[in-house]
Amino acid sequence: QVQLVESGGGLVQAGGSLRLSCAVSGRTFSSYAMGWFRQAPGKEREFVVTIRWSGGGTYYADSVRGRFTISRDNAKNTVYLQMNSPKPEDKAVYYCAATRDTTYYRVRPSSYNYWGQGTQVTVSS
């Protein structure tokens, strides 16, 4: 059974930092791409960033480029989202996801096959 489990969410001050983790179990994702999405109350799920597990290529949403960094640890089967200088508008539930389609960088939630349960991030001003 495939499982993606996010952790690390919580309350952070604007301008601070927070690191989210996504632990992957149940299969090897070496041929997959991983993504982080977020969803604020009353809004659609929004693409944040994606990384190819093999090769490490990344693509960021404009809203987070330069502030957030995605990385992976192959040995731990874990993907990280380092959030630096978060803003109040970054407040959302953050989801980790995996897709088999690595042809291009996928930014639509419908392109992803597996999802975690989400972790809440709140940014205080």
Protein backbone atom coordinates (compact mmCIF):
# COMPACT_ATOMS: atom_id res chain seq x y z
CA GLN A 1 0.00 0.00 0.00
CA VAL A 2 1.41 3.34 -1.05
CA GLN A 3 1.57 5.98 1.64
CA LEU A 4 2.65 9.60 1.61
CA VAL A 5 2.81 11.11 5.08
CA GLU A 6 3.45 14.80 5.58
CA SER A 7 4.81 16.32 8.76
CA GLY A 8 6.39 19.52 10.00
CA GLY A 9 3.49 21.90 9.67
CA GLY A 10 2.60 24.39 12.36
CA LEU A 11 2.67 28.05 13.23
CA VAL A 12 5.52 30.18 11.88
CA GLN A 13 6.16 33.89 11.96
CA ALA A 14 6.32 35.80 8.72
CA GLY A 15 9.96 35.99 7.71
CA GLY A 16 10.86 32.87 9.66
CA SER A 17 11.38 29.37 8.34
CA LEU A 18 9.69 25.99 8.42
CA ARG A 19 10.51 22.63 6.87
CA LEU A 20 7.87 20.18 5.75
CA SER A 21 8.62 16.50 5.21
CA CYS A 22 6.90 13.87 3.09
CA ALA A 23 7.78 10.29 3.92
CA VAL A 24 7.07 7.82 1.13
CA SER A 25 6.44 4.14 1.75
CA GLY A 26 4.98 1.18 -0.06
CA ARG A 27 6.97 1.37 -3.25
CA THR A 28 10.02 2.87 -4.87
CA PHE A 29 9.41 6.24 -6.46
CA SER A 30 12.65 6.46 -8.40
CA SER A 31 10.75 6.88 -11.69
CA TYR A 32 8.21 9.32 -10.29
CA ALA A 33 7.99 13.03 -9.77
CA MET A 34 6.96 14.44 -6.41
CA GLY A 35 5.03 17.61 -5.86
CA TRP A 36 3.87 19.94 -3.15
CA PHE A 37 0.49 21.60 -3.41
CA ARG A 38 -1.43 23.79 -1.01
CA GLN A 39 -5.03 24.67 -0.39
CA ALA A 40 -6.35 27.63 1.54
CA PRO A 41 -9.94 27.75 2.84
CA GLY A 42 -12.39 28.47 0.03
CA LYS A 43 -9.72 28.19 -2.66
CA GLU A 44 -8.68 25.55 -5.15
CA ARG A 45 -5.68 23.35 -4.58
CA GLU A 46 -2.63 25.22 -5.86
CA PHE A 47 0.66 23.97 -7.27
CA VAL A 48 3.76 24.91 -5.27
CA VAL A 49 6.71 22.94 -6.61
CA THR A 50 7.69 19.63 -8.18
CA ILE A 51 10.86 17.54 -8.29
CA ARG A 52 11.83 14.54 -10.37
CA TRP A 53 12.99 11.79 -8.05
CA SER A 54 15.54 10.69 -10.62
CA GLY A 55 17.81 13.55 -11.63
CA GLY A 56 16.37 16.07 -9.22
CA GLY A 57 15.01 18.55 -11.76
CA THR A 58 12.68 21.09 -10.16
CA TYR A 59 10.00 23.57 -11.15
CA TYR A 60 8.53 26.22 -8.84
CA ALA A 61 5.40 28.31 -8.84
CA ASP A 62 6.20 32.01 -9.27
CA SER A 63 4.66 32.77 -5.89
CA VAL A 64 7.28 30.74 -4.00
CA ARG A 65 10.32 30.81 -6.27
CA GLY A 66 13.31 32.14 -4.36
CA ARG A 67 11.71 31.54 -0.96
CA PHE A 68 10.86 27.82 -0.92
CA THR A 69 13.20 24.94 -1.77
CA ILE A 70 12.29 21.35 -2.51
CA SER A 71 14.77 18.52 -1.97
CA ARG A 72 14.79 14.75 -1.61
CA ASP A 73 16.69 12.18 0.38
CA ASN A 74 16.82 8.96 -1.59
CA ALA A 75 18.09 6.92 1.35
CA LYS A 76 15.20 8.04 3.55
CA ASN A 77 12.59 8.04 0.77
CA THR A 78 11.63 11.51 1.91
CA VAL A 79 10.91 14.77 0.15
CA TYR A 80 11.30 18.10 1.91
CA LEU A 81 9.90 21.57 1.43
CA GLN A 82 12.02 24.25 3.05
CA MET A 83 9.91 27.37 3.51
CA ASN A 84 11.98 30.52 4.06
CA SER A 85 10.54 33.99 4.54
CA PRO A 86 6.95 32.74 4.56
CA LYS A 87 4.19 35.30 4.12
CA PRO A 88 0.68 35.33 5.61
CA GLU A 89 -0.65 34.40 2.17
CA ASP A 90 1.30 31.13 2.35
CA LYS A 91 -1.09 29.92 5.03
CA ALA A 92 -2.74 26.72 3.80
CA VAL A 93 -2.90 22.98 4.13
CA TYR A 94 0.15 21.61 2.31
CA TYR A 95 -0.09 18.31 0.47
CA CYS A 96 2.58 16.01 -0.88
CA ALA A 97 1.80 14.10 -4.08
CA ALA A 98 3.41 11.70 -6.55
CA THR A 99 2.95 11.28 -10.29
CA ARG A 100 4.13 8.62 -12.72
CA ASP A 101 4.14 11.20 -15.53
CA THR A 102 7.56 12.81 -15.67
CA THR A 103 7.40 13.83 -19.32
CA TYR A 104 7.00 17.44 -18.32
CA TYR A 105 6.77 19.27 -15.03
CA ARG A 106 3.19 18.66 -13.96
CA VAL A 107 1.36 21.45 -12.15
CA ARG A 108 -2.24 20.22 -12.15
CA PRO A 109 -3.52 18.18 -9.19
CA SER A 110 -5.27 15.82 -11.63
CA SER A 111 -1.85 14.75 -12.96
CA TYR A 112 -0.88 13.21 -9.62
CA ASN A 113 -1.66 9.63 -8.66
CA TYR A 114 -0.94 9.55 -4.93
CA TRP A 115 -1.59 12.08 -2.18
CA GLY A 116 -0.79 12.57 1.46
CA GLN A 117 -3.29 13.67 4.08
CA GLY A 118 -1.94 17.22 4.33
CA THR A 119 -0.31 19.31 7.02
CA GLN A 120 -1.48 22.74 8.16
CA VAL A 121 0.84 25.73 7.87
CA THR A 122 -0.15 28.99 9.53
CA VAL A 123 1.89 32.15 9.09
CA SER A 124 1.49 34.94 11.61
CA SER A 125 2.18 38.53 10.63
